[in-house]
Amino acid sequence: MRRRALLSLLAGASVAGLAGCLGGESASPETTEATETTAGTASATASSGSGSGDLPLVIDTVNAQGSSAGEVRIPAEGTPTVLDLFATWCAPCVAQMESLRTLHEEFGDDVAFVSVTNERLGGGLTMDDIRAWWAEHDGNWTVGHDPDSSLMRAVRANGLPYLVVFDADGEATWTHRGLASEENLRAAVEDVA
């Protein structure tokens, strides 16, 4: 009986965790006050150099397929940027990779694409695991690692995958929590490209 109760508890926790990962919501700063405030605050704080974790942020990058070890500024300076927050355990993040690959092939010369995981290494997860996941899902653009979740806090991400499209001035023009359709993501990228 105890085993059945434990299995039931674990199943419930898994469903609840996946539900947080699957939730979908998109917003345009022009129509959503909370997102507009987020973008405005990030830019104002960043220009004052407060170091409070707001945008722009510099994130460590991973030596992986299409990416090299070093650092990347988010959003990219003077270039429209698509930011994808993901995790290797997130099933919708795998599905999101398909539209990201397609759009990277179409817009990659004019728009910076950056995918970032906040997963902590250890407990069975290694940097090689992240590299292998990236290669397995055909990532071919910059991939970053932010184990302190500074970037998630800065863009106020509340689920995964989480997408943010920035214009060339570094203003967030579109955000989406959960799996975004390729059509909606394309429209957001076309608006800034």
Protein backbone atom coordinates (compact mmCIF):
# COMPACT_ATOMS: atom_id res chain seq x y z
CA MET A 1 0.00 0.00 0.00
CA ARG A 2 2.84 2.39 0.82
CA ARG A 3 4.40 1.73 -2.58
CA ARG A 4 1.15 2.58 -4.37
CA ALA A 5 0.84 5.84 -2.43
CA LEU A 6 4.43 6.75 -3.25
CA LEU A 7 3.94 5.98 -6.94
CA SER A 8 0.76 8.05 -6.97
CA LEU A 9 2.57 10.97 -5.34
CA LEU A 10 5.43 10.76 -7.84
CA ALA A 11 3.05 10.58 -10.80
CA GLY A 12 1.16 13.63 -9.54
CA ALA A 13 4.37 15.58 -9.09
CA SER A 14 5.50 14.65 -12.62
CA VAL A 15 2.23 15.79 -14.15
CA ALA A 16 2.34 19.05 -12.20
CA GLY A 17 5.93 19.69 -13.32
CA LEU A 18 5.13 18.94 -16.94
CA ALA A 19 2.07 21.19 -16.81
CA GLY A 20 4.34 24.08 -15.79
CA CYS A 21 6.58 23.27 -18.71
CA LEU A 22 3.69 23.06 -21.18
CA GLY A 23 1.79 26.24 -20.32
CA GLY A 24 1.57 28.58 -23.28
CA GLU A 25 1.17 32.30 -23.34
CA SER A 26 2.49 35.01 -25.60
CA ALA A 27 2.41 38.73 -25.31
CA SER A 28 3.39 41.76 -27.26
CA PRO A 29 4.79 44.66 -25.22
CA GLU A 30 2.49 47.00 -27.10
CA THR A 31 -0.58 45.25 -25.70
CA THR A 32 0.55 43.90 -22.34
CA GLU A 33 1.45 46.31 -19.58
CA ALA A 34 3.47 43.78 -17.56
CA THR A 35 5.70 42.93 -20.53
CA GLU A 36 6.08 46.58 -21.47
CA THR A 37 7.22 47.36 -17.93
CA THR A 38 9.65 44.46 -18.05
CA ALA A 39 11.27 45.66 -21.26
CA GLY A 40 11.40 49.28 -20.12
CA THR A 41 12.91 48.43 -16.75
CA ALA A 42 15.54 46.15 -18.24
CA SER A 43 16.74 48.76 -20.71
CA ALA A 44 16.70 51.63 -18.24
CA THR A 45 18.58 49.65 -15.62
CA ALA A 46 21.06 48.31 -18.13
CA SER A 47 21.96 51.76 -19.40
CA SER A 48 22.57 52.96 -15.85
CA GLY A 49 24.99 50.09 -15.27
CA SER A 50 23.43 49.04 -11.97
CA GLY A 51 24.62 45.43 -12.21
CA SER A 52 21.30 44.30 -10.72
CA GLY A 53 20.97 41.36 -13.12
CA ASP A 54 18.74 43.19 -15.59
CA LEU A 55 19.45 43.23 -19.29
CA PRO A 56 21.78 43.27 -21.07
CA LEU A 57 23.50 40.27 -19.49
CA VAL A 58 26.61 38.39 -20.49
CA ILE A 59 26.14 34.61 -20.42
CA ASP A 60 28.75 31.87 -20.73
CA THR A 61 28.51 29.91 -23.97
CA VAL A 62 29.09 26.22 -24.54
CA ASN A 63 31.49 24.62 -26.99
CA ALA A 64 28.87 22.62 -28.91
CA GLN A 65 27.58 22.15 -32.44
CA GLY A 66 27.22 25.66 -33.95
CA SER A 67 28.44 27.30 -30.73
CA SER A 68 31.83 28.04 -29.24
CA ALA A 69 32.98 28.46 -25.65
CA GLY A 70 33.11 32.05 -24.49
CA GLU A 71 30.46 34.62 -23.73
CA VAL A 72 27.45 36.17 -25.41
CA ARG A 73 25.63 39.42 -24.66
CA ILE A 74 21.84 39.14 -24.44
CA PRO A 75 20.30 40.86 -26.21
CA ALA A 76 22.99 41.16 -28.89
CA GLU A 77 24.10 44.74 -29.36
CA GLY A 78 22.63 46.38 -32.46
CA THR A 79 21.13 43.10 -33.74
CA PRO A 80 17.65 41.64 -33.35
CA THR A 81 17.84 38.64 -31.03
CA VAL A 82 15.75 35.52 -30.49
CA LEU A 83 16.28 34.13 -26.99
CA ASP A 84 15.15 30.57 -26.24
CA LEU A 85 15.25 29.38 -22.64
CA PHE A 86 15.22 25.58 -22.50
CA ALA A 87 16.10 22.52 -20.42
CA THR A 88 17.22 19.09 -21.53
CA TRP A 89 14.42 17.44 -19.47
CA CYS A 90 11.64 19.57 -21.06
CA ALA A 91 9.65 17.74 -23.76
CA PRO A 92 8.14 20.94 -25.26
CA CYS A 93 11.68 22.34 -25.51
CA VAL A 94 12.51 19.46 -27.87
CA ALA A 95 9.46 20.28 -30.00
CA GLN A 96 10.40 24.01 -30.03
CA MET A 97 13.77 23.17 -31.58
CA GLU A 98 12.13 22.34 -34.93
CA SER A 99 10.73 25.84 -35.48
CA LEU A 100 13.90 27.43 -34.10
CA ARG A 101 16.00 25.47 -36.62
CA THR A 102 13.74 26.52 -39.50
CA LEU A 103 13.77 30.18 -38.51
CA HIS A 104 17.52 30.16 -37.85
CA GLU A 105 18.04 28.90 -41.41
CA GLU A 106 15.83 31.72 -42.74
CA PHE A 107 16.91 34.62 -40.53
CA GLY A 108 20.26 33.56 -39.01
CA ASP A 109 22.25 36.07 -41.06
CA ASP A 110 20.16 39.00 -39.80
CA VAL A 111 19.03 37.87 -36.34
CA ALA A 112 21.08 36.48 -33.45
CA PHE A 113 19.71 33.20 -32.10
CA VAL A 114 20.69 32.18 -28.57
CA SER A 115 19.39 29.22 -26.57
CA VAL A 116 20.21 29.10 -22.86
CA THR A 117 19.73 26.44 -20.20
CA ASN A 118 19.83 27.15 -16.50
CA GLU A 119 20.35 23.53 -15.52
CA ARG A 120 22.91 22.95 -12.80
CA LEU A 121 25.64 20.45 -13.47
CA GLY A 122 26.05 17.53 -11.11
CA GLY A 123 23.61 14.94 -9.85
CA GLY A 124 23.98 13.05 -13.12
CA LEU A 125 23.99 16.00 -15.54
CA THR A 126 27.26 16.99 -17.21
CA MET A 127 28.23 19.56 -19.80
CA ASP A 128 28.71 16.63 -22.18
CA ASP A 129 25.03 15.75 -21.63
CA ILE A 130 24.02 19.28 -22.67
CA ARG A 131 26.28 19.08 -25.74
CA ALA A 132 24.83 15.69 -26.67
CA TRP A 133 21.23 16.96 -26.28
CA TRP A 134 22.09 19.99 -28.43
CA ALA A 135 23.60 17.82 -31.19
CA GLU A 136 20.78 15.27 -31.00
CA HIS A 137 18.21 18.01 -31.61
CA ASP A 138 20.26 19.70 -34.37
CA GLY A 139 20.98 22.97 -32.59
CA ASN A 140 23.33 24.98 -34.79
CA TRP A 141 23.51 28.39 -33.15
CA THR A 142 24.85 29.78 -29.88
CA VAL A 143 23.97 27.80 -26.78
CA GLY A 144 24.57 29.25 -23.33
CA HIS A 145 24.63 28.05 -19.74
CA ASP A 146 23.25 30.17 -16.89
CA PRO A 147 23.11 27.98 -13.77
CA ASP A 148 22.31 30.99 -11.55
CA SER A 149 19.14 31.72 -13.59
CA SER A 150 20.09 35.39 -13.92
CA LEU A 151 18.67 35.51 -17.43
CA MET A 152 15.40 33.83 -16.43
CA ARG A 153 14.95 36.44 -13.68
CA ALA A 154 15.85 39.32 -15.98
CA VAL A 155 13.20 38.37 -18.57
CA ARG A 156 10.78 37.20 -15.86
CA ALA A 157 10.48 33.73 -17.38
CA ASN A 158 7.92 31.59 -15.59
CA GLY A 159 8.11 28.33 -17.51
CA LEU A 160 9.96 26.49 -20.25
CA PRO A 161 10.38 26.81 -23.08
CA TYR A 162 10.35 30.59 -22.84
CA LEU A 163 11.00 32.75 -25.89
CA VAL A 164 11.85 36.44 -26.11
CA VAL A 165 12.34 38.40 -29.32
CA PHE A 166 14.33 41.62 -29.01
CA ASP A 167 14.62 44.36 -31.63
CA ALA A 168 17.99 45.85 -32.65
CA ASP A 169 17.67 48.42 -29.83
CA GLY A 170 17.45 45.64 -27.24
CA GLU A 171 13.77 46.12 -26.47
CA ALA A 172 11.69 42.98 -25.91
CA THR A 173 8.97 43.03 -28.56
CA TRP A 174 7.46 39.58 -27.99
CA THR A 175 7.51 36.91 -25.30
CA HIS A 176 6.01 33.44 -25.15
CA ARG A 177 5.84 30.84 -22.39
CA GLY A 178 5.41 27.26 -23.54
CA LEU A 179 5.56 25.80 -27.01
CA ALA A 180 5.14 28.58 -29.62
CA SER A 181 3.84 27.89 -33.09
CA GLU A 182 6.30 28.44 -35.90
CA GLU A 183 3.82 30.88 -37.45
CA ASN A 184 3.66 33.10 -34.35
CA LEU A 185 7.42 32.99 -33.81
CA ARG A 186 8.04 33.80 -37.48
CA ALA A 187 5.72 36.83 -37.27
CA ALA A 188 7.59 38.08 -34.19
CA VAL A 189 10.97 37.64 -35.91
CA GLU A 190 9.75 39.30 -39.12
CA ASP A 191 8.71 42.34 -37.05
CA VAL A 192 12.32 42.93 -35.96
CA ALA A 193 14.36 41.56 -38.87
